[in-house]
Amino acid sequence: QPLSRTHKLVLICFLLNFVALIYGVLEFKWYITEI
């Protein structure tokens, strides 16, 4: 199946999730519950 616009948006959200994860861990000391 070709890589559609929807697929690209899903992958972007997936990457943004890790940006938020790094920020939360470093800034707010997130742990298992928050992650």
PDB file of all heavy atoms in Angstrom:
ATOM      1  N   GLN A   1       0.848  -1.174   0.000  1.00  0.00           N
ATOM      2  CA  GLN A   1       0.000   0.000   0.000  1.00  0.00           C
ATOM      3  C   GLN A   1       0.891   1.234   0.000  1.00  0.00           C
ATOM      4  O   GLN A   1       1.859   1.303   0.763  1.00  0.00           O
ATOM      5  CB  GLN A   1      -0.892  -0.013   1.252  1.00  0.00           C
ATOM      6  CG  GLN A   1      -1.878   1.133   1.301  1.00  0.00           C
ATOM      7  CD  GLN A   1      -2.728   1.058   2.554  1.00  0.00           C
ATOM      8  OE1 GLN A   1      -2.528   0.188   3.379  1.00  0.00           O
ATOM      9  NE2 GLN A   1      -3.661   1.979   2.702  1.00  0.00           N
ATOM     10  N   PRO A   2       0.633   2.221  -0.868  1.00  0.00           N
ATOM     11  CA  PRO A   2       1.499   3.400  -0.921  1.00  0.00           C
ATOM     12  C   PRO A   2       1.439   4.209   0.375  1.00  0.00           C
ATOM     13  O   PRO A   2       0.472   4.138   1.129  1.00  0.00           O
ATOM     14  CB  PRO A   2       0.938   4.196  -2.098  1.00  0.00           C
ATOM     15  CG  PRO A   2      -0.483   3.733  -2.239  1.00  0.00           C
ATOM     16  CD  PRO A   2      -0.477   2.290  -1.836  1.00  0.00           C
ATOM     17  N   LEU A   3       2.493   4.971   0.603  1.00  0.00           N
ATOM     18  CA  LEU A   3       2.561   5.809   1.793  1.00  0.00           C
ATOM     19  C   LEU A   3       1.660   7.019   1.578  1.00  0.00           C
ATOM     20  O   LEU A   3       1.983   7.941   0.824  1.00  0.00           O
ATOM     21  CB  LEU A   3       4.009   6.248   2.033  1.00  0.00           C
ATOM     22  CG  LEU A   3       4.295   6.973   3.345  1.00  0.00           C
ATOM     23  CD1 LEU A   3       4.049   6.062   4.540  1.00  0.00           C
ATOM     24  CD2 LEU A   3       5.742   7.472   3.367  1.00  0.00           C
ATOM     25  N   SER A   4       0.515   7.023   2.241  1.00  0.00           N
ATOM     26  CA  SER A   4      -0.484   8.060   2.024  1.00  0.00           C
ATOM     27  C   SER A   4      -0.261   9.260   2.937  1.00  0.00           C
ATOM     28  O   SER A   4       0.585   9.249   3.829  1.00  0.00           O
ATOM     29  CB  SER A   4      -1.881   7.487   2.281  1.00  0.00           C
ATOM     30  OG  SER A   4      -2.022   7.149   3.660  1.00  0.00           O
ATOM     31  N   ARG A   5      -1.048  10.286   2.719  1.00  0.00           N
ATOM     32  CA  ARG A   5      -0.981  11.486   3.565  1.00  0.00           C
ATOM     33  C   ARG A   5      -1.353  11.134   5.003  1.00  0.00           C
ATOM     34  O   ARG A   5      -0.734  11.644   5.955  1.00  0.00           O
ATOM     35  CB  ARG A   5      -1.942  12.548   3.020  1.00  0.00           C
ATOM     36  CG  ARG A   5      -1.954  13.851   3.819  1.00  0.00           C
ATOM     37  CD  ARG A   5      -2.812  14.894   3.121  1.00  0.00           C
ATOM     38  NE  ARG A   5      -2.915  16.117   3.905  1.00  0.00           N
ATOM     39  CZ  ARG A   5      -3.832  16.332   4.860  1.00  0.00           C
ATOM     40  NH1 ARG A   5      -4.724  15.371   5.131  1.00  0.00           N
ATOM     41  NH2 ARG A   5      -3.862  17.466   5.526  1.00  0.00           N
ATOM     42  N   THR A   6      -2.335  10.256   5.159  1.00  0.00           N
ATOM     43  CA  THR A   6      -2.730   9.829   6.504  1.00  0.00           C
ATOM     44  C   THR A   6      -1.586   9.112   7.207  1.00  0.00           C
ATOM     45  O   THR A   6      -1.318   9.339   8.389  1.00  0.00           O
ATOM     46  CB  THR A   6      -3.956   8.891   6.427  1.00  0.00           C
ATOM     47  OG1 THR A   6      -5.055   9.603   5.868  1.00  0.00           O
ATOM     48  CG2 THR A   6      -4.344   8.399   7.822  1.00  0.00           C
ATOM     49  N   HIS A   7      -0.905   8.232   6.476  1.00  0.00           N
ATOM     50  CA  HIS A   7       0.247   7.536   7.049  1.00  0.00           C
ATOM     51  C   HIS A   7       1.309   8.519   7.507  1.00  0.00           C
ATOM     52  O   HIS A   7       1.892   8.370   8.588  1.00  0.00           O
ATOM     53  CB  HIS A   7       0.851   6.583   6.010  1.00  0.00           C
ATOM     54  CG  HIS A   7      -0.016   5.411   5.697  1.00  0.00           C
ATOM     55  ND1 HIS A   7      -0.017   4.786   4.465  1.00  0.00           N
ATOM     56  CD2 HIS A   7      -0.919   4.737   6.460  1.00  0.00           C
ATOM     57  CE1 HIS A   7      -0.874   3.785   4.481  1.00  0.00           C
ATOM     58  NE2 HIS A   7      -1.438   3.731   5.670  1.00  0.00           N
ATOM     59  N   LYS A   8       1.561   9.532   6.699  1.00  0.00           N
ATOM     60  CA  LYS A   8       2.573  10.531   7.042  1.00  0.00           C
ATOM     61  C   LYS A   8       2.179  11.295   8.305  1.00  0.00           C
ATOM     62  O   LYS A   8       3.027  11.567   9.168  1.00  0.00           O
ATOM     63  CB  LYS A   8       2.778  11.498   5.879  1.00  0.00           C
ATOM     64  CG  LYS A   8       3.419  10.848   4.657  1.00  0.00           C
ATOM     65  CD  LYS A   8       3.518  11.824   3.493  1.00  0.00           C
ATOM     66  CE  LYS A   8       4.104  11.155   2.258  1.00  0.00           C
ATOM     67  NZ  LYS A   8       4.155  12.074   1.092  1.00  0.00           N
ATOM     68  N   LEU A   9       0.901  11.639   8.418  1.00  0.00           N
ATOM     69  CA  LEU A   9       0.436  12.343   9.618  1.00  0.00           C
ATOM     70  C   LEU A   9       0.575  11.463  10.862  1.00  0.00           C
ATOM     71  O   LEU A   9       0.956  11.948  11.939  1.00  0.00           O
ATOM     72  CB  LEU A   9      -1.024  12.770   9.440  1.00  0.00           C
ATOM     73  CG  LEU A   9      -1.285  13.923   8.462  1.00  0.00           C
ATOM     74  CD1 LEU A   9      -2.790  14.142   8.289  1.00  0.00           C
ATOM     75  CD2 LEU A   9      -0.618  15.200   8.959  1.00  0.00           C
ATOM     76  N   VAL A  10       0.268  10.179  10.722  1.00  0.00           N
ATOM     77  CA  VAL A  10       0.415   9.246  11.841  1.00  0.00           C
ATOM     78  C   VAL A  10       1.873   9.166  12.280  1.00  0.00           C
ATOM     79  O   VAL A  10       2.185   9.210  13.476  1.00  0.00           O
ATOM     80  CB  VAL A  10      -0.106   7.842  11.451  1.00  0.00           C
ATOM     81  CG1 VAL A  10       0.305   6.807  12.489  1.00  0.00           C
ATOM     82  CG2 VAL A  10      -1.624   7.857  11.309  1.00  0.00           C
ATOM     83  N   LEU A  11       2.779   9.064  11.320  1.00  0.00           N
ATOM     84  CA  LEU A  11       4.205   8.974  11.649  1.00  0.00           C
ATOM     85  C   LEU A  11       4.716  10.267  12.274  1.00  0.00           C
ATOM     86  O   LEU A  11       5.559  10.232  13.185  1.00  0.00           O
ATOM     87  CB  LEU A  11       5.006   8.639  10.381  1.00  0.00           C
ATOM     88  CG  LEU A  11       4.776   7.245   9.802  1.00  0.00           C
ATOM     89  CD1 LEU A  11       5.488   7.100   8.459  1.00  0.00           C
ATOM     90  CD2 LEU A  11       5.245   6.167  10.775  1.00  0.00           C
ATOM     91  N   ILE A  12       4.221  11.396  11.823  1.00  0.00           N
ATOM     92  CA  ILE A  12       4.609  12.685  12.422  1.00  0.00           C
ATOM     93  C   ILE A  12       4.158  12.745  13.877  1.00  0.00           C
ATOM     94  O   ILE A  12       4.917  13.173  14.763  1.00  0.00           O
ATOM     95  CB  ILE A  12       4.016  13.860  11.607  1.00  0.00           C
ATOM     96  CG1 ILE A  12       4.724  13.974  10.261  1.00  0.00           C
ATOM     97  CG2 ILE A  12       4.132  15.165  12.389  1.00  0.00           C
ATOM     98  CD1 ILE A  12       4.080  14.962   9.307  1.00  0.00           C
ATOM     99  N   CYS A  13       2.925  12.297  14.139  1.00  0.00           N
ATOM    100  CA  CYS A  13       2.419  12.273  15.520  1.00  0.00           C
ATOM    101  C   CYS A  13       3.254  11.335  16.378  1.00  0.00           C
ATOM    102  O   CYS A  13       3.524  11.627  17.558  1.00  0.00           O
ATOM    103  CB  CYS A  13       0.953  11.840  15.540  1.00  0.00           C
ATOM    104  SG  CYS A  13      -0.184  13.088  14.925  1.00  0.00           S
ATOM    105  N   PHE A  14       3.665  10.227  15.794  1.00  0.00           N
ATOM    106  CA  PHE A  14       4.497   9.278  16.523  1.00  0.00           C
ATOM    107  C   PHE A  14       5.829   9.920  16.919  1.00  0.00           C
ATOM    108  O   PHE A  14       6.299   9.759  18.050  1.00  0.00           O
ATOM    109  CB  PHE A  14       4.726   8.042  15.643  1.00  0.00           C
ATOM    110  CG  PHE A  14       5.472   6.938  16.327  1.00  0.00           C
ATOM    111  CD1 PHE A  14       4.937   6.295  17.428  1.00  0.00           C
ATOM    112  CD2 PHE A  14       6.719   6.543  15.874  1.00  0.00           C
ATOM    113  CE1 PHE A  14       5.623   5.268  18.061  1.00  0.00           C
ATOM    114  CE2 PHE A  14       7.414   5.515  16.495  1.00  0.00           C
ATOM    115  CZ  PHE A  14       6.862   4.875  17.593  1.00  0.00           C
ATOM    116  N   LEU A  15       6.434  10.654  16.003  1.00  0.00           N
ATOM    117  CA  LEU A  15       7.686  11.343  16.312  1.00  0.00           C
ATOM    118  C   LEU A  15       7.469  12.451  17.338  1.00  0.00           C
ATOM    119  O   LEU A  15       8.290  12.640  18.252  1.00  0.00           O
ATOM    120  CB  LEU A  15       8.293  11.925  15.028  1.00  0.00           C
ATOM    121  CG  LEU A  15       8.808  10.900  14.011  1.00  0.00           C
ATOM    122  CD1 LEU A  15       9.282  11.608  12.743  1.00  0.00           C
ATOM    123  CD2 LEU A  15       9.943  10.077  14.608  1.00  0.00           C
ATOM    124  N   LEU A  16       6.377  13.203  17.201  1.00  0.00           N
ATOM    125  CA  LEU A  16       6.080  14.272  18.166  1.00  0.00           C
ATOM    126  C   LEU A  16       5.854  13.706  19.562  1.00  0.00           C
ATOM    127  O   LEU A  16       6.162  14.359  20.566  1.00  0.00           O
ATOM    128  CB  LEU A  16       4.843  15.057  17.707  1.00  0.00           C
ATOM    129  CG  LEU A  16       5.033  15.952  16.476  1.00  0.00           C
ATOM    130  CD1 LEU A  16       3.705  16.596  16.087  1.00  0.00           C
ATOM    131  CD2 LEU A  16       6.081  17.022  16.752  1.00  0.00           C
ATOM    132  N   ASN A  17       5.322  12.474  19.608  1.00  0.00           N
ATOM    133  CA  ASN A  17       5.120  11.820  20.895  1.00  0.00           C
ATOM    134  C   ASN A  17       6.455  11.662  21.634  1.00  0.00           C
ATOM    135  O   ASN A  17       6.536  11.869  22.851  1.00  0.00           O
ATOM    136  CB  ASN A  17       4.483  10.451  20.676  1.00  0.00           C
ATOM    137  CG  ASN A  17       4.306   9.667  21.954  1.00  0.00           C
ATOM    138  OD1 ASN A  17       3.432   9.957  22.760  1.00  0.00           O
ATOM    139  ND2 ASN A  17       5.145   8.653  22.159  1.00  0.00           N
ATOM    140  N   PHE A  18       7.516  11.326  20.903  1.00  0.00           N
ATOM    141  CA  PHE A  18       8.814  11.164  21.537  1.00  0.00           C
ATOM    142  C   PHE A  18       9.444  12.500  21.907  1.00  0.00           C
ATOM    143  O   PHE A  18      10.188  12.587  22.889  1.00  0.00           O
ATOM    144  CB  PHE A  18       9.743  10.346  20.637  1.00  0.00           C
ATOM    145  CG  PHE A  18       9.522   8.876  20.777  1.00  0.00           C
ATOM    146  CD1 PHE A  18       8.656   8.204  19.940  1.00  0.00           C
ATOM    147  CD2 PHE A  18      10.136   8.168  21.787  1.00  0.00           C
ATOM    148  CE1 PHE A  18       8.427   6.848  20.093  1.00  0.00           C
ATOM    149  CE2 PHE A  18       9.914   6.816  21.955  1.00  0.00           C
ATOM    150  CZ  PHE A  18       9.060   6.151  21.105  1.00  0.00           C
ATOM    151  N   VAL A  19       9.135  13.533  21.149  1.00  0.00           N
ATOM    152  CA  VAL A  19       9.591  14.870  21.537  1.00  0.00           C
ATOM    153  C   VAL A  19       8.938  15.257  22.868  1.00  0.00           C
ATOM    154  O   VAL A  19       9.601  15.752  23.786  1.00  0.00           O
ATOM    155  CB  VAL A  19       9.242  15.900  20.445  1.00  0.00           C
ATOM    156  CG1 VAL A  19       9.567  17.314  20.929  1.00  0.00           C
ATOM    157  CG2 VAL A  19      10.006  15.591  19.161  1.00  0.00           C
ATOM    158  N   ALA A  20       7.623  15.020  22.972  1.00  0.00           N
ATOM    159  CA  ALA A  20       6.907  15.303  24.218  1.00  0.00           C
ATOM    160  C   ALA A  20       7.425  14.441  25.360  1.00  0.00           C
ATOM    161  O   ALA A  20       7.545  14.898  26.506  1.00  0.00           O
ATOM    162  CB  ALA A  20       5.404  15.073  24.023  1.00  0.00           C
ATOM    163  N   LEU A  21       7.760  13.194  25.050  1.00  0.00           N
ATOM    164  CA  LEU A  21       8.281  12.282  26.068  1.00  0.00           C
ATOM    165  C   LEU A  21       9.610  12.782  26.619  1.00  0.00           C
ATOM    166  O   LEU A  21       9.818  12.822  27.847  1.00  0.00           O
ATOM    167  CB  LEU A  21       8.453  10.887  25.462  1.00  0.00           C
ATOM    168  CG  LEU A  21       9.131   9.819  26.321  1.00  0.00           C
ATOM    169  CD1 LEU A  21       8.371   9.615  27.619  1.00  0.00           C
ATOM    170  CD2 LEU A  21       9.244   8.510  25.566  1.00  0.00           C
ATOM    171  N   ILE A  22      10.510  13.175  25.732  1.00  0.00           N
ATOM    172  CA  ILE A  22      11.812  13.689  26.171  1.00  0.00           C
ATOM    173  C   ILE A  22      11.634  14.948  27.014  1.00  0.00           C
ATOM    174  O   ILE A  22      12.265  15.095  28.078  1.00  0.00           O
ATOM    175  CB  ILE A  22      12.704  13.984  24.946  1.00  0.00           C
ATOM    176  CG1 ILE A  22      13.042  12.684  24.215  1.00  0.00           C
ATOM    177  CG2 ILE A  22      13.983  14.697  25.365  1.00  0.00           C
ATOM    178  CD1 ILE A  22      13.726  12.897  22.881  1.00  0.00           C
ATOM    179  N   TYR A  23      10.771  15.845  26.555  1.00  0.00           N
ATOM    180  CA  TYR A  23      10.539  17.089  27.294  1.00  0.00           C
ATOM    181  C   TYR A  23       9.948  16.803  28.676  1.00  0.00           C
ATOM    182  O   TYR A  23      10.365  17.378  29.692  1.00  0.00           O
ATOM    183  CB  TYR A  23       9.597  18.001  26.501  1.00  0.00           C
ATOM    184  CG  TYR A  23       9.344  19.335  27.169  1.00  0.00           C
ATOM    185  CD1 TYR A  23      10.300  20.349  27.116  1.00  0.00           C
ATOM    186  CD2 TYR A  23       8.151  19.572  27.853  1.00  0.00           C
ATOM    187  CE1 TYR A  23      10.067  21.564  27.735  1.00  0.00           C
ATOM    188  CE2 TYR A  23       7.909  20.785  28.467  1.00  0.00           C
ATOM    189  CZ  TYR A  23       8.872  21.789  28.409  1.00  0.00           C
ATOM    190  OH  TYR A  23       8.645  22.985  29.031  1.00  0.00           O
ATOM    191  N   GLY A  24       8.973  15.904  28.723  1.00  0.00           N
ATOM    192  CA  GLY A  24       8.330  15.589  29.997  1.00  0.00           C
ATOM    193  C   GLY A  24       9.273  14.935  30.979  1.00  0.00           C
ATOM    194  O   GLY A  24       9.268  15.249  32.181  1.00  0.00           O
ATOM    195  N   VAL A  25      10.122  14.045  30.473  1.00  0.00           N
ATOM    196  CA  VAL A  25      11.077  13.360  31.352  1.00  0.00           C
ATOM    197  C   VAL A  25      12.110  14.338  31.899  1.00  0.00           C
ATOM    198  O   VAL A  25      12.436  14.320  33.090  1.00  0.00           O
ATOM    199  CB  VAL A  25      11.771  12.211  30.581  1.00  0.00           C
ATOM    200  CG1 VAL A  25      12.984  11.702  31.347  1.00  0.00           C
ATOM    201  CG2 VAL A  25      10.785  11.072  30.344  1.00  0.00           C
ATOM    202  N   LEU A  26      12.615  15.203  31.024  1.00  0.00           N
ATOM    203  CA  LEU A  26      13.662  16.137  31.445  1.00  0.00           C
ATOM    204  C   LEU A  26      13.121  17.294  32.278  1.00  0.00           C
ATOM    205  O   LEU A  26      13.740  17.709  33.259  1.00  0.00           O
ATOM    206  CB  LEU A  26      14.402  16.686  30.212  1.00  0.00           C
ATOM    207  CG  LEU A  26      15.165  15.662  29.357  1.00  0.00           C
ATOM    208  CD1 LEU A  26      15.806  16.342  28.163  1.00  0.00           C
ATOM    209  CD2 LEU A  26      16.222  14.958  30.196  1.00  0.00           C
ATOM    210  N   GLU A  27      11.968  17.823  31.882  1.00  0.00           N
ATOM    211  CA  GLU A  27      11.446  19.020  32.533  1.00  0.00           C
ATOM    212  C   GLU A  27      10.576  18.714  33.739  1.00  0.00           C
ATOM    213  O   GLU A  27      10.629  19.407  34.753  1.00  0.00           O
ATOM    214  CB  GLU A  27      10.631  19.832  31.508  1.00  0.00           C
ATOM    215  CG  GLU A  27      10.151  21.185  32.005  1.00  0.00           C
ATOM    216  CD  GLU A  27      11.284  22.182  32.203  1.00  0.00           C
ATOM    217  OE1 GLU A  27      12.357  21.991  31.601  1.00  0.00           O
ATOM    218  OE2 GLU A  27      11.091  23.152  32.960  1.00  0.00           O
ATOM    219  N   PHE A  28       9.752  17.660  33.642  1.00  0.00           N
ATOM    220  CA  PHE A  28       8.788  17.378  34.698  1.00  0.00           C
ATOM    221  C   PHE A  28       9.054  16.067  35.437  1.00  0.00           C
ATOM    222  O   PHE A  28       8.250  15.655  36.266  1.00  0.00           O
ATOM    223  CB  PHE A  28       7.369  17.346  34.118  1.00  0.00           C
ATOM    224  CG  PHE A  28       6.961  18.606  33.432  1.00  0.00           C
ATOM    225  CD1 PHE A  28       6.754  18.634  32.059  1.00  0.00           C
ATOM    226  CD2 PHE A  28       6.812  19.789  34.149  1.00  0.00           C
ATOM    227  CE1 PHE A  28       6.387  19.799  31.408  1.00  0.00           C
ATOM    228  CE2 PHE A  28       6.437  20.965  33.510  1.00  0.00           C
ATOM    229  CZ  PHE A  28       6.234  20.980  32.133  1.00  0.00           C
ATOM    230  N   LYS A  29      10.193  15.421  35.122  1.00  0.00           N
ATOM    231  CA  LYS A  29      10.580  14.175  35.790  1.00  0.00           C
ATOM    232  C   LYS A  29       9.495  13.092  35.663  1.00  0.00           C
ATOM    233  O   LYS A  29       9.165  12.391  36.612  1.00  0.00           O
ATOM    234  CB  LYS A  29      10.895  14.414  37.272  1.00  0.00           C
ATOM    235  CG  LYS A  29      11.864  15.541  37.536  1.00  0.00           C
ATOM    236  CD  LYS A  29      13.210  15.297  36.882  1.00  0.00           C
ATOM    237  CE  LYS A  29      14.174  16.444  37.138  1.00  0.00           C
ATOM    238  NZ  LYS A  29      15.445  16.304  36.382  1.00  0.00           N
ATOM    239  N   TRP A  30       8.919  12.982  34.474  1.00  0.00           N
ATOM    240  CA  TRP A  30       7.899  11.966  34.257  1.00  0.00           C
ATOM    241  C   TRP A  30       8.452  10.576  34.524  1.00  0.00           C
ATOM    242  O   TRP A  30       9.636  10.302  34.314  1.00  0.00           O
ATOM    243  CB  TRP A  30       7.406  12.017  32.812  1.00  0.00           C
ATOM    244  CG  TRP A  30       6.437  13.134  32.554  1.00  0.00           C
ATOM    245  CD1 TRP A  30       5.969  14.045  33.451  1.00  0.00           C
ATOM    246  CD2 TRP A  30       5.836  13.454  31.300  1.00  0.00           C
ATOM    247  NE1 TRP A  30       5.103  14.908  32.837  1.00  0.00           N
ATOM    248  CE2 TRP A  30       4.999  14.572  31.516  1.00  0.00           C
ATOM    249  CE3 TRP A  30       5.919  12.909  30.025  1.00  0.00           C
ATOM    250  CZ2 TRP A  30       4.252  15.151  30.493  1.00  0.00           C
ATOM    251  CZ3 TRP A  30       5.180  13.481  29.001  1.00  0.00           C
ATOM    252  CH2 TRP A  30       4.355  14.591  29.248  1.00  0.00           C
ATOM    253  N   TYR A  31       7.551   9.691  34.959  1.00  0.00           N
ATOM    254  CA  TYR A  31       7.939   8.306  35.196  1.00  0.00           C
ATOM    255  C   TYR A  31       6.931   7.415  34.469  1.00  0.00           C
ATOM    256  O   TYR A  31       6.210   7.858  33.571  1.00  0.00           O
ATOM    257  CB  TYR A  31       8.014   8.027  36.705  1.00  0.00           C
ATOM    258  CG  TYR A  31       8.563   6.677  37.066  1.00  0.00           C
ATOM    259  CD1 TYR A  31       9.769   6.223  36.532  1.00  0.00           C
ATOM    260  CD2 TYR A  31       7.861   5.814  37.916  1.00  0.00           C
ATOM    261  CE1 TYR A  31      10.272   4.973  36.846  1.00  0.00           C
ATOM    262  CE2 TYR A  31       8.356   4.569  38.240  1.00  0.00           C
ATOM    263  CZ  TYR A  31       9.571   4.153  37.701  1.00  0.00           C
ATOM    264  OH  TYR A  31      10.049   2.913  38.005  1.00  0.00           O
ATOM    265  N   ILE A  32       6.847   6.163  34.870  1.00  0.00           N
ATOM    266  CA  ILE A  32       6.053   5.168  34.155  1.00  0.00           C
ATOM    267  C   ILE A  32       4.599   5.590  33.974  1.00  0.00           C
ATOM    268  O   ILE A  32       4.018   5.439  32.891  1.00  0.00           O
ATOM    269  CB  ILE A  32       6.143   3.806  34.875  1.00  0.00           C
ATOM    270  CG1 ILE A  32       7.521   3.170  34.603  1.00  0.00           C
ATOM    271  CG2 ILE A  32       5.033   2.867  34.430  1.00  0.00           C
ATOM    272  CD1 ILE A  32       7.735   1.859  35.338  1.00  0.00           C
ATOM    273  N   THR A  33       3.981   6.132  35.013  1.00  0.00           N
ATOM    274  CA  THR A  33       2.562   6.505  34.937  1.00  0.00           C
ATOM    275  C   THR A  33       2.325   7.577  33.882  1.00  0.00           C
ATOM    276  O   THR A  33       1.406   7.469  33.051  1.00  0.00           O
ATOM    277  CB  THR A  33       2.067   6.995  36.310  1.00  0.00           C
ATOM    278  OG1 THR A  33       2.225   5.952  37.267  1.00  0.00           O
ATOM    279  CG2 THR A  33       0.598   7.403  36.247  1.00  0.00           C
ATOM    280  N   GLU A  34       3.149   8.625  33.909  1.00  0.00           N
ATOM    281  CA  GLU A  34       2.986   9.719  32.957  1.00  0.00           C
ATOM    282  C   GLU A  34       3.310   9.282  31.526  1.00  0.00           C
ATOM    283  O   GLU A  34       2.631   9.677  30.575  1.00  0.00           O
ATOM    284  CB  GLU A  34       3.880  10.906  33.351  1.00  0.00           C
ATOM    285  CG  GLU A  34       3.497  11.592  34.654  1.00  0.00           C
ATOM    286  CD  GLU A  34       3.986  10.856  35.895  1.00  0.00           C
ATOM    287  OE1 GLU A  34       4.781   9.890  35.736  1.00  0.00           O
ATOM    288  OE2 GLU A  34       3.582  11.230  36.994  1.00  0.00           O
ATOM    289  N   ILE A  35       4.343   8.458  31.369  1.00  0.00           N
ATOM    290  CA  ILE A  35       4.706   7.968  30.041  1.00  0.00           C
ATOM    291  C   ILE A  35       3.588   7.091  29.473  1.00  0.00           C
ATOM    292  O   ILE A  35       3.254   7.170  28.288  1.00  0.00           O
ATOM    293  CB  ILE A  35       6.039   7.187  30.100  1.00  0.00           C
ATOM    294  CG1 ILE A  35       7.181   8.130  30.489  1.00  0.00           C
ATOM    295  CG2 ILE A  35       6.343   6.523  28.760  1.00  0.00           C
ATOM    296  CD1 ILE A  35       8.499   7.430  30.745  1.00  0.00           C
TER     297      ILE A  35
END
